Structures are given as structure tokens and as C-alpha cells.
């Protein structure tokens, strides 16, 4: 299981893109939906997660273009699908 301490650390080191998206999602500003930032699920930490929709939004940087990282991402998406969590967006983050 992913640790809450690691999730907290990732929140503190977020990219400008992640902070911008979080400002759009936080405080139920998007259609009244609750989103969580750097939310642990199983042994993954999701960039943004909406429990009502079981929706994950991932903002992936350039390293995610590398084959081994892309394979890990595909496995993560598959594992999350088994938990009925949909990963709808892989957006490049800088």
C-alpha cells in the first residue's frame, strides 16, 4: 500500500502544472465533485482522484515516454481498472 507520508511529500513537491490543475479541481469547483490530490490507492499514488466517479487524472512528465515507465503506467491503469477506477487522462506535466 502506498504511504500517506509519500503522498504528502509529493503534494509538497508538485509541479506548476499540478498546482494549476489542483486549483481547478479543489473545493468542489468542478461540477461540485470532490477531488483528492496525491491520493494513495493500493500501492499507487494517484495525482488526482474523484471518489464519486472513481476517476483518476494523471499528469505525466516526459519520463513517462520511456518504455519501462510506460509499461509501469499500463500496469497501473490495468490494476486500477480492476478496482473500477478509470484513468481518463495522461497529460504531459512540466
Foldseek 3Di string as FASTA:
>chain_A
DADPVVLVVCVVVDAPVLVVVCVCADPCNPVNFHKDAQPDDDRGTARIATVVQLETEAAAAPVCVDPVNVVVVVVVQVVSVVVVHHYDYHHHTD
